[in-house]
N, C-alpha and C. Protein backbone atom coordinates (compact mmCIF):
# COMPACT_ATOMS: atom_id res chain seq x y z
N MET A 1 16.70 -10.48 -1.67
CA MET A 1 15.73 -10.81 -0.54
C MET A 1 14.51 -11.52 -1.14
N GLN A 2 14.30 -12.53 -0.75
CA GLN A 2 13.22 -13.37 -1.57
C GLN A 2 11.64 -12.87 -0.61
N CYS A 3 11.77 -12.16 0.38
CA CYS A 3 10.60 -12.18 1.24
C CYS A 3 9.63 -10.99 0.20
N PRO A 4 8.39 -11.23 0.29
CA PRO A 4 7.60 -10.43 -0.31
C PRO A 4 7.50 -8.92 0.23
N ILE A 5 7.39 -9.10 1.80
CA ILE A 5 7.32 -7.98 2.35
C ILE A 5 8.64 -6.97 2.20
N ALA A 6 9.50 -7.38 2.47
CA ALA A 6 11.10 -6.90 2.07
C ALA A 6 10.96 -6.32 0.74
N ARG A 7 10.35 -6.99 -0.02
CA ARG A 7 10.48 -6.52 -1.76
C ARG A 7 9.60 -5.35 -1.96
N THR A 8 8.37 -5.30 -1.14
CA THR A 8 7.42 -4.33 -1.36
C THR A 8 7.88 -3.06 -0.71
N LEU A 9 8.34 -3.20 0.68
CA LEU A 9 8.92 -2.23 1.33
C LEU A 9 9.98 -1.40 0.77
N GLU A 10 11.10 -2.16 0.03
CA GLU A 10 12.12 -1.48 -0.81
C GLU A 10 11.33 -0.79 -2.14
N ARG A 11 10.06 -0.84 -2.24
CA ARG A 11 9.64 0.19 -3.38
C ARG A 11 8.82 1.07 -2.89
N VAL A 12 8.17 1.02 -1.69
CA VAL A 12 6.99 1.72 -0.99
C VAL A 12 7.36 2.10 0.22
N GLY A 13 8.57 1.95 0.85
CA GLY A 13 8.98 1.91 2.46
C GLY A 13 9.12 3.31 2.98
N ASP A 14 8.70 4.20 2.36
CA ASP A 14 8.65 5.58 3.04
C ASP A 14 7.27 6.03 3.17
N VAL A 15 7.14 7.43 4.04
CA VAL A 15 5.71 7.91 4.37
C VAL A 15 5.34 8.48 3.32
N TRP A 16 6.21 9.46 2.58
CA TRP A 16 5.89 10.23 1.35
C TRP A 16 5.26 9.52 0.26
N THR A 17 5.80 8.08 -0.07
CA THR A 17 5.48 7.23 -1.01
C THR A 17 3.93 6.77 -0.45
N PHE A 18 3.86 6.14 0.44
CA PHE A 18 2.55 5.69 1.06
C PHE A 18 1.35 6.76 0.81
N LEU A 19 1.74 8.15 1.21
CA LEU A 19 0.78 9.17 1.02
C LEU A 19 0.44 9.54 -0.19
N ILE A 20 1.56 9.46 -1.27
CA ILE A 20 1.40 9.84 -2.39
C ILE A 20 0.24 8.93 -3.01
N LEU A 21 0.21 7.54 -2.84
CA LEU A 21 -0.37 6.45 -3.23
C LEU A 21 -1.90 6.79 -2.55
N ARG A 22 -1.95 6.99 -1.36
CA ARG A 22 -3.31 7.43 -0.66
C ARG A 22 -3.82 8.53 -1.56
N ASP A 23 -3.10 9.85 -1.78
CA ASP A 23 -3.80 10.75 -2.55
C ASP A 23 -4.02 10.06 -3.98
N ALA A 24 -2.93 9.54 -4.68
CA ALA A 24 -3.52 8.97 -5.94
C ALA A 24 -4.91 7.98 -6.09
N SER A 25 -4.95 7.34 -4.96
CA SER A 25 -6.32 6.51 -5.18
C SER A 25 -7.37 7.33 -4.84
N GLN A 26 -7.30 8.19 -4.25
CA GLN A 26 -8.57 9.40 -4.08
C GLN A 26 -8.72 10.04 -5.37
N GLY A 27 -7.98 9.96 -6.21
CA GLY A 27 -7.97 10.90 -7.36
C GLY A 27 -7.18 12.00 -7.94
N LEU A 28 -6.35 12.23 -6.79
CA LEU A 28 -5.23 13.28 -7.53
C LEU A 28 -4.30 12.72 -8.19
N GLY A 29 -3.87 13.77 -9.03
CA GLY A 29 -2.69 13.08 -10.10
C GLY A 29 -1.84 14.11 -10.54
N ARG A 30 -2.01 15.37 -10.35
CA ARG A 30 -0.93 16.43 -10.66
C ARG A 30 0.07 17.00 -9.49
N PHE A 31 0.90 17.27 -9.86
CA PHE A 31 2.28 17.39 -9.14
C PHE A 31 1.71 18.56 -8.11
N ASP A 32 1.26 19.62 -8.62
CA ASP A 32 0.75 20.58 -7.43
C ASP A 32 -0.32 20.36 -6.68
N GLN A 33 -0.84 19.03 -7.09
CA GLN A 33 -2.32 18.74 -6.20
C GLN A 33 -1.39 17.75 -5.28
N PHE A 34 -0.63 17.12 -5.29
CA PHE A 34 0.15 16.45 -4.52
C PHE A 34 1.06 17.38 -3.48
N GLU A 35 1.43 18.02 -3.99
CA GLU A 35 2.26 19.27 -3.07
C GLU A 35 1.49 19.91 -2.10
N LYS A 36 0.14 20.28 -2.59
CA LYS A 36 -0.86 21.04 -1.64
C LYS A 36 -1.31 20.22 -0.58
N SER A 37 -1.49 18.93 -1.04
CA SER A 37 -2.27 17.91 -0.26
C SER A 37 -1.20 17.75 1.04
N LEU A 38 0.00 17.24 0.60
CA LEU A 38 0.94 16.63 1.45
C LEU A 38 2.02 17.53 1.99
N GLY A 39 2.16 18.79 1.67
CA GLY A 39 3.11 19.99 2.01
C GLY A 39 4.69 19.29 2.27
N VAL A 40 4.67 18.67 0.75
CA VAL A 40 6.13 17.96 0.95
C VAL A 40 6.96 18.96 -0.19
N ALA A 41 8.33 18.86 0.30
CA ALA A 41 9.12 19.85 -0.68
C ALA A 41 9.50 19.06 -1.97
N PRO A 42 9.24 20.06 -2.98
CA PRO A 42 9.13 19.74 -4.30
C PRO A 42 10.39 18.61 -4.78
N ASN A 43 11.51 18.82 -4.38
CA ASN A 43 12.55 17.82 -4.84
C ASN A 43 12.19 16.52 -4.05
N ILE A 44 11.61 16.27 -2.89
CA ILE A 44 11.10 14.88 -2.35
C ILE A 44 10.10 14.64 -3.15
N LEU A 45 9.26 15.20 -3.52
CA LEU A 45 7.89 14.74 -4.56
C LEU A 45 8.40 14.10 -5.53
N THR A 46 9.48 15.05 -6.28
CA THR A 46 9.95 14.59 -7.67
C THR A 46 10.49 13.30 -7.48
N LYS A 47 11.26 13.04 -6.49
CA LYS A 47 11.98 11.77 -6.24
C LYS A 47 11.19 10.50 -6.12
N ARG A 48 10.13 10.83 -5.22
CA ARG A 48 9.06 9.81 -5.10
C ARG A 48 8.14 9.37 -6.03
N LEU A 49 7.68 10.44 -7.01
CA LEU A 49 6.89 10.24 -8.17
C LEU A 49 7.75 9.46 -9.19
N ALA A 50 9.11 9.55 -9.57
CA ALA A 50 9.72 8.78 -10.49
C ALA A 50 9.99 7.75 -9.76
N ALA A 51 10.06 7.42 -8.49
CA ALA A 51 10.36 6.10 -8.20
C ALA A 51 9.19 5.06 -8.21
N LEU A 52 7.78 6.00 -7.80
CA LEU A 52 6.78 5.16 -8.27
C LEU A 52 6.26 4.62 -9.72
N VAL A 53 6.78 5.74 -10.26
CA VAL A 53 6.65 5.56 -11.92
C VAL A 53 7.75 4.29 -12.44
N GLU A 54 8.81 4.37 -11.92
CA GLU A 54 9.86 3.49 -12.27
C GLU A 54 9.58 1.87 -11.68
N ASN A 55 8.76 1.93 -10.50
CA ASN A 55 8.29 0.54 -9.97
C ASN A 55 7.18 0.22 -10.46
N GLY A 56 6.37 0.96 -11.24
CA GLY A 56 5.25 0.44 -11.96
C GLY A 56 4.10 0.73 -11.29
N LEU A 57 4.04 1.53 -10.39
CA LEU A 57 2.67 1.76 -9.30
C LEU A 57 2.18 2.88 -9.98
N LEU A 58 2.78 3.88 -10.52
CA LEU A 58 2.16 5.02 -11.25
C LEU A 58 2.53 5.22 -12.50
N GLU A 59 1.68 5.65 -13.84
CA GLU A 59 2.07 6.05 -15.03
C GLU A 59 2.28 7.48 -15.08
N LYS A 60 3.05 8.22 -15.75
CA LYS A 60 3.18 9.63 -16.16
C LYS A 60 2.32 9.79 -17.31
N ARG A 61 1.90 10.58 -17.40
CA ARG A 61 0.92 10.93 -18.74
C ARG A 61 0.84 12.31 -18.86
N ALA A 62 1.24 12.91 -20.20
CA ALA A 62 1.03 14.28 -20.59
C ALA A 62 -0.37 14.52 -20.73
N TYR A 63 -0.71 15.87 -19.89
CA TYR A 63 -2.02 16.42 -20.34
C TYR A 63 -1.83 17.90 -20.74
N SER A 64 -0.86 18.44 -20.85
CA SER A 64 -0.43 19.65 -21.72
C SER A 64 0.86 19.72 -22.34
N GLU A 65 0.89 20.25 -23.55
CA GLU A 65 1.68 20.12 -24.35
C GLU A 65 2.63 21.55 -24.04
N ARG A 66 1.80 22.53 -24.07
CA ARG A 66 2.48 23.93 -23.84
C ARG A 66 1.81 24.70 -22.91
N PRO A 67 2.35 24.81 -21.40
CA PRO A 67 3.58 24.15 -21.51
C PRO A 67 3.50 22.73 -21.13
N PRO A 68 4.45 21.83 -21.32
CA PRO A 68 4.65 20.39 -21.03
C PRO A 68 4.04 20.41 -19.37
N ARG A 69 3.10 19.55 -19.30
CA ARG A 69 2.69 19.18 -18.02
C ARG A 69 2.11 17.74 -18.03
N TYR A 70 2.50 17.30 -16.60
CA TYR A 70 1.91 15.78 -16.64
C TYR A 70 1.12 15.64 -15.44
N GLU A 71 0.64 14.20 -15.55
CA GLU A 71 -0.31 13.87 -14.24
C GLU A 71 0.16 12.30 -14.07
N TYR A 72 -0.15 12.00 -12.89
CA TYR A 72 0.39 10.51 -12.45
C TYR A 72 -0.77 9.70 -12.45
N VAL A 73 -0.89 8.64 -12.64
CA VAL A 73 -2.45 7.77 -12.84
C VAL A 73 -1.88 6.33 -12.29
N LEU A 74 -2.87 6.00 -11.33
CA LEU A 74 -2.44 4.51 -10.90
C LEU A 74 -2.44 3.45 -11.76
N THR A 75 -1.61 2.81 -12.12
CA THR A 75 -1.45 1.55 -12.70
C THR A 75 -2.26 0.33 -12.05
N ASP A 76 -2.63 -0.60 -12.87
CA ASP A 76 -3.01 -1.84 -12.13
C ASP A 76 -2.52 -2.23 -10.68
N ARG A 77 -0.85 -2.23 -10.86
CA ARG A 77 -0.35 -2.47 -9.66
C ARG A 77 -0.54 -1.59 -8.71
N GLY A 78 -0.40 -0.11 -8.99
CA GLY A 78 -0.64 0.73 -7.85
C GLY A 78 -2.28 0.67 -7.31
N ARG A 79 -3.39 0.30 -8.33
CA ARG A 79 -4.88 0.26 -7.56
C ARG A 79 -4.80 -0.97 -6.96
N ASP A 80 -3.69 -2.11 -7.22
CA ASP A 80 -3.60 -3.28 -6.25
C ASP A 80 -3.14 -2.92 -4.72
N PHE A 81 -2.45 -1.87 -4.86
CA PHE A 81 -1.82 -1.57 -3.31
C PHE A 81 -3.10 -1.04 -2.58
N GLY A 82 -4.31 -0.34 -3.04
CA GLY A 82 -5.05 -0.07 -2.31
C GLY A 82 -5.66 -0.73 -1.16
N GLY A 83 -5.41 -2.31 -1.41
CA GLY A 83 -5.71 -3.11 -0.15
C GLY A 83 -4.93 -2.94 1.04
N VAL A 84 -3.39 -2.74 0.79
CA VAL A 84 -2.53 -2.34 2.00
C VAL A 84 -2.77 -1.18 2.32
N LEU A 85 -3.29 0.05 1.53
CA LEU A 85 -3.81 1.33 2.44
C LEU A 85 -4.99 1.11 3.11
N THR A 86 -5.97 0.13 2.85
CA THR A 86 -7.22 -0.03 3.61
C THR A 86 -6.89 -0.51 4.60
N ALA A 87 -6.08 -1.64 5.09
CA ALA A 87 -5.58 -2.41 5.93
C ALA A 87 -4.78 -1.07 6.95
N MET A 88 -3.87 -0.46 6.44
CA MET A 88 -3.38 0.59 7.40
C MET A 88 -4.18 1.54 7.75
N LEU A 89 -5.11 1.81 7.27
CA LEU A 89 -6.02 2.85 7.69
C LEU A 89 -6.86 2.35 8.68
N ALA A 90 -7.44 1.23 8.69
CA ALA A 90 -7.98 0.50 10.10
C ALA A 90 -7.22 0.21 10.93
N PHE A 91 -6.04 -0.15 10.74
CA PHE A 91 -5.08 -0.57 11.96
C PHE A 91 -4.80 0.97 12.41
N GLY A 92 -4.50 1.86 11.74
CA GLY A 92 -4.30 3.35 12.45
C GLY A 92 -5.38 3.85 13.46
N ASN A 93 -6.45 3.50 12.74
CA ASN A 93 -7.83 4.16 13.40
C ASN A 93 -8.08 3.41 14.54
N ARG A 94 -7.63 2.00 14.80
CA ARG A 94 -7.94 0.87 15.95
C ARG A 94 -6.86 1.31 17.05
N HIS A 95 -5.64 1.60 16.45
CA HIS A 95 -4.73 1.74 17.60
C HIS A 95 -3.92 2.99 17.78
N PHE A 96 -4.13 3.83 16.74
CA PHE A 96 -3.30 5.30 17.02
C PHE A 96 -4.09 6.42 16.83
N ALA A 97 -5.56 6.36 16.71
CA ALA A 97 -6.11 7.55 16.98
C ALA A 97 -6.79 7.95 18.15
N VAL A 98 -5.67 8.32 18.99
CA VAL A 98 -6.09 8.79 20.33
C VAL A 98 -7.08 10.13 20.50
N GLU A 99 -7.05 10.60 19.45
CA GLU A 99 -8.07 11.75 19.63
C GLU A 99 -9.38 11.37 18.74
N GLY A 100 -9.34 10.27 18.40
CA GLY A 100 -10.71 9.71 17.89
C GLY A 100 -10.38 9.62 16.28
N ILE A 101 -11.33 8.92 15.47
CA ILE A 101 -11.00 8.75 14.16
C ILE A 101 -11.31 9.93 13.39
N ALA A 102 -10.65 10.48 12.74
CA ALA A 102 -10.28 11.88 11.94
C ALA A 102 -10.78 11.40 10.38
N GLY A 103 -10.36 10.43 9.83
CA GLY A 103 -10.64 9.82 8.62
C GLY A 103 -10.90 8.28 8.49
N GLN A 104 -12.02 7.96 7.85
CA GLN A 104 -12.35 6.72 7.61
C GLN A 104 -12.74 6.12 6.18
N LEU A 105 -13.08 5.24 6.03
CA LEU A 105 -13.73 4.64 4.80
C LEU A 105 -15.24 4.17 5.20
N VAL A 106 -16.00 4.77 4.27
CA VAL A 106 -17.57 4.69 4.46
C VAL A 106 -18.11 4.08 3.06
N ASP A 107 -19.18 3.57 3.42
CA ASP A 107 -19.97 2.87 2.08
C ASP A 107 -20.62 4.21 1.34
N ARG A 108 -20.21 4.10 0.09
CA ARG A 108 -21.08 5.45 -0.82
C ARG A 108 -22.54 5.46 -0.70
N GLU A 109 -23.17 4.33 -0.82
CA GLU A 109 -24.62 4.34 -0.53
C GLU A 109 -25.32 4.86 0.85
N THR A 110 -24.74 4.20 1.76
CA THR A 110 -25.37 4.27 3.06
C THR A 110 -24.40 5.26 3.96
N GLY A 111 -23.09 5.56 3.59
CA GLY A 111 -22.43 6.37 4.47
C GLY A 111 -22.27 5.75 5.73
N GLN A 112 -22.29 4.49 6.07
CA GLN A 112 -22.24 3.92 7.14
C GLN A 112 -20.51 3.52 7.16
N PRO A 113 -19.84 3.81 8.56
CA PRO A 113 -18.33 3.34 8.18
C PRO A 113 -18.00 1.85 7.87
N ALA A 114 -17.03 1.59 7.21
CA ALA A 114 -16.54 0.11 7.05
C ALA A 114 -15.67 -0.20 8.11
N GLU A 115 -15.79 -1.56 8.41
CA GLU A 115 -15.00 -2.42 8.96
C GLU A 115 -14.16 -3.30 8.05
N PRO A 116 -12.94 -2.69 7.76
CA PRO A 116 -12.16 -3.76 6.80
C PRO A 116 -11.69 -4.94 7.62
N ILE A 117 -11.60 -6.22 6.87
CA ILE A 117 -10.95 -7.17 7.31
C ILE A 117 -10.30 -7.82 6.03
N LEU A 118 -9.09 -8.74 6.35
CA LEU A 118 -8.67 -9.52 5.24
C LEU A 118 -9.38 -10.78 5.16
N VAL A 119 -9.94 -11.04 3.96
CA VAL A 119 -10.56 -12.45 3.84
C VAL A 119 -9.94 -13.37 2.69
N ASP A 120 -9.65 -14.62 2.81
CA ASP A 120 -9.00 -15.45 1.78
C ASP A 120 -10.26 -15.50 0.95
N ARG A 121 -9.82 -15.12 -0.54
CA ARG A 121 -10.63 -14.99 -1.52
C ARG A 121 -11.19 -16.54 -2.13
N ILE A 122 -10.18 -17.75 -1.73
CA ILE A 122 -10.66 -18.97 -2.12
C ILE A 122 -11.88 -19.47 -1.12
N SER A 123 -11.64 -19.51 0.32
CA SER A 123 -12.56 -19.92 1.12
C SER A 123 -13.50 -19.03 1.62
N GLY A 124 -13.39 -17.64 1.66
CA GLY A 124 -14.15 -16.68 2.12
C GLY A 124 -13.88 -16.48 3.71
N ARG A 125 -12.94 -17.02 4.09
CA ARG A 125 -12.73 -16.92 5.63
C ARG A 125 -11.85 -15.72 6.11
N PRO A 126 -12.06 -15.13 7.00
CA PRO A 126 -11.17 -14.35 7.53
C PRO A 126 -10.17 -14.81 7.56
N ILE A 127 -8.79 -13.80 7.46
CA ILE A 127 -7.67 -14.43 7.76
C ILE A 127 -7.14 -14.14 9.12
N THR A 128 -7.12 -14.99 9.99
CA THR A 128 -6.45 -14.81 11.23
C THR A 128 -5.03 -15.46 11.59
N ALA A 129 -4.57 -15.57 12.66
CA ALA A 129 -3.36 -16.39 12.69
C ALA A 129 -3.74 -17.50 13.43
N GLU A 130 -4.91 -17.86 13.74
CA GLU A 130 -5.26 -18.99 14.32
C GLU A 130 -5.53 -19.91 13.07
N ARG A 131 -6.07 -19.46 12.00
CA ARG A 131 -6.52 -20.39 10.87
C ARG A 131 -5.53 -20.37 9.79
N PHE A 132 -4.78 -19.34 9.49
CA PHE A 132 -3.72 -19.41 8.51
C PHE A 132 -2.10 -19.16 9.21
N THR A 133 -1.19 -19.69 8.35
CA THR A 133 0.37 -19.39 8.61
C THR A 133 1.06 -19.23 7.64
N TYR A 134 2.23 -18.42 7.52
CA TYR A 134 3.02 -18.55 6.68
C TYR A 134 4.05 -19.79 6.18
N ALA A 135 4.16 -19.74 4.79
CA ALA A 135 4.70 -20.85 4.26
C ALA A 135 5.51 -20.68 3.26
N ALA A 136 6.29 -21.55 2.91
CA ALA A 136 7.25 -21.53 1.53
C ALA A 136 6.41 -21.79 0.43
N GLY A 137 6.75 -20.85 -0.67
CA GLY A 137 6.14 -21.13 -1.86
C GLY A 137 6.88 -21.88 -2.74
N PRO A 138 6.20 -21.78 -3.92
CA PRO A 138 6.94 -23.06 -5.04
C PRO A 138 8.08 -22.54 -5.26
N ALA A 139 8.50 -21.14 -5.52
CA ALA A 139 10.04 -20.62 -5.91
C ALA A 139 10.72 -20.51 -4.71
N ALA A 140 10.43 -20.75 -3.62
CA ALA A 140 11.13 -20.56 -2.35
C ALA A 140 12.71 -21.19 -2.34
N GLY A 141 13.63 -20.14 -1.92
CA GLY A 141 14.90 -20.31 -2.15
C GLY A 141 15.66 -20.73 -0.38
N PRO A 142 16.60 -21.18 -0.53
CA PRO A 142 17.12 -21.64 0.60
C PRO A 142 17.04 -20.46 2.12
N GLU A 143 16.94 -19.18 1.90
CA GLU A 143 16.62 -18.04 2.87
C GLU A 143 15.39 -18.27 3.24
N VAL A 144 14.38 -18.43 2.44
CA VAL A 144 13.12 -18.49 2.80
C VAL A 144 12.59 -20.05 3.62
N LEU A 145 13.20 -20.92 2.77
CA LEU A 145 13.24 -22.49 3.51
C LEU A 145 13.89 -22.36 5.04
N ASP A 146 14.94 -22.02 4.99
CA ASP A 146 15.43 -21.80 6.41
C ASP A 146 14.46 -21.13 7.53
N ARG A 147 14.00 -19.83 7.03
CA ARG A 147 13.08 -19.24 7.66
C ARG A 147 11.76 -20.01 8.38
N VAL A 148 11.29 -20.40 7.34
CA VAL A 148 10.22 -21.42 7.42
C VAL A 148 10.45 -22.46 8.46
N ALA A 149 11.37 -23.13 7.99
CA ALA A 149 11.90 -24.16 9.21
C ALA A 149 12.54 -23.79 10.64
N PHE A 150 12.95 -22.72 10.48
CA PHE A 150 13.04 -22.28 12.33
C PHE A 150 11.84 -21.59 12.77
N MET A 151 10.89 -21.00 11.96
CA MET A 151 9.83 -20.62 12.69
C MET A 151 9.16 -21.84 13.06
N ALA A 152 9.21 -23.02 12.37
CA ALA A 152 8.16 -24.08 12.55
C ALA A 152 9.02 -24.56 13.54
N GLY A 153 10.08 -24.92 14.12
CA GLY A 153 11.01 -25.41 14.97
C GLY A 153 10.72 -24.57 16.25
N ARG A 154 10.52 -23.33 16.13
CA ARG A 154 10.36 -22.40 17.24
C ARG A 154 9.02 -22.59 17.79
N ASN A 155 8.16 -22.60 16.75
CA ASN A 155 6.77 -22.98 17.16
C ASN A 155 6.22 -24.22 17.84
N ALA A 156 7.22 -25.17 17.41
CA ALA A 156 6.80 -26.42 17.95
C ALA A 156 7.22 -26.79 19.52
N GLY A 157 8.36 -25.84 20.02
CA GLY A 157 9.04 -25.87 20.97
C GLY A 157 8.30 -25.41 22.29
């Protein structure tokens, strides 16, 4: 499938994977740290870490030879995923924090809560449905072209 959302979800589309990336973005990297933070079964954690390495979001590095021990470090691709996590944090706090905000992003200098928004890097404008729309890209195949045409026809009617 050519859809970038589907391709991303194929690689990171389960809760444990998102939470591992969340913890890695906060500086955790060792198996036992992830296990303690997440309360996840070791076999599940092993599979998710291996998949994140295979998909280029984490890099496995040795930190001890005797006994052999490894840590997992975000790659450029993994760090790039931070924006997705930030958007999910803001969305979850806005829509699902029925008991109030339990965790938030704050300015390191002032301690003030951040209010993340998506902004177009070129124009500096906030990305909203009124201003931006999904369109086929230069490499779009028939599936994407058909979906874009379907959406345009549906929205025109």
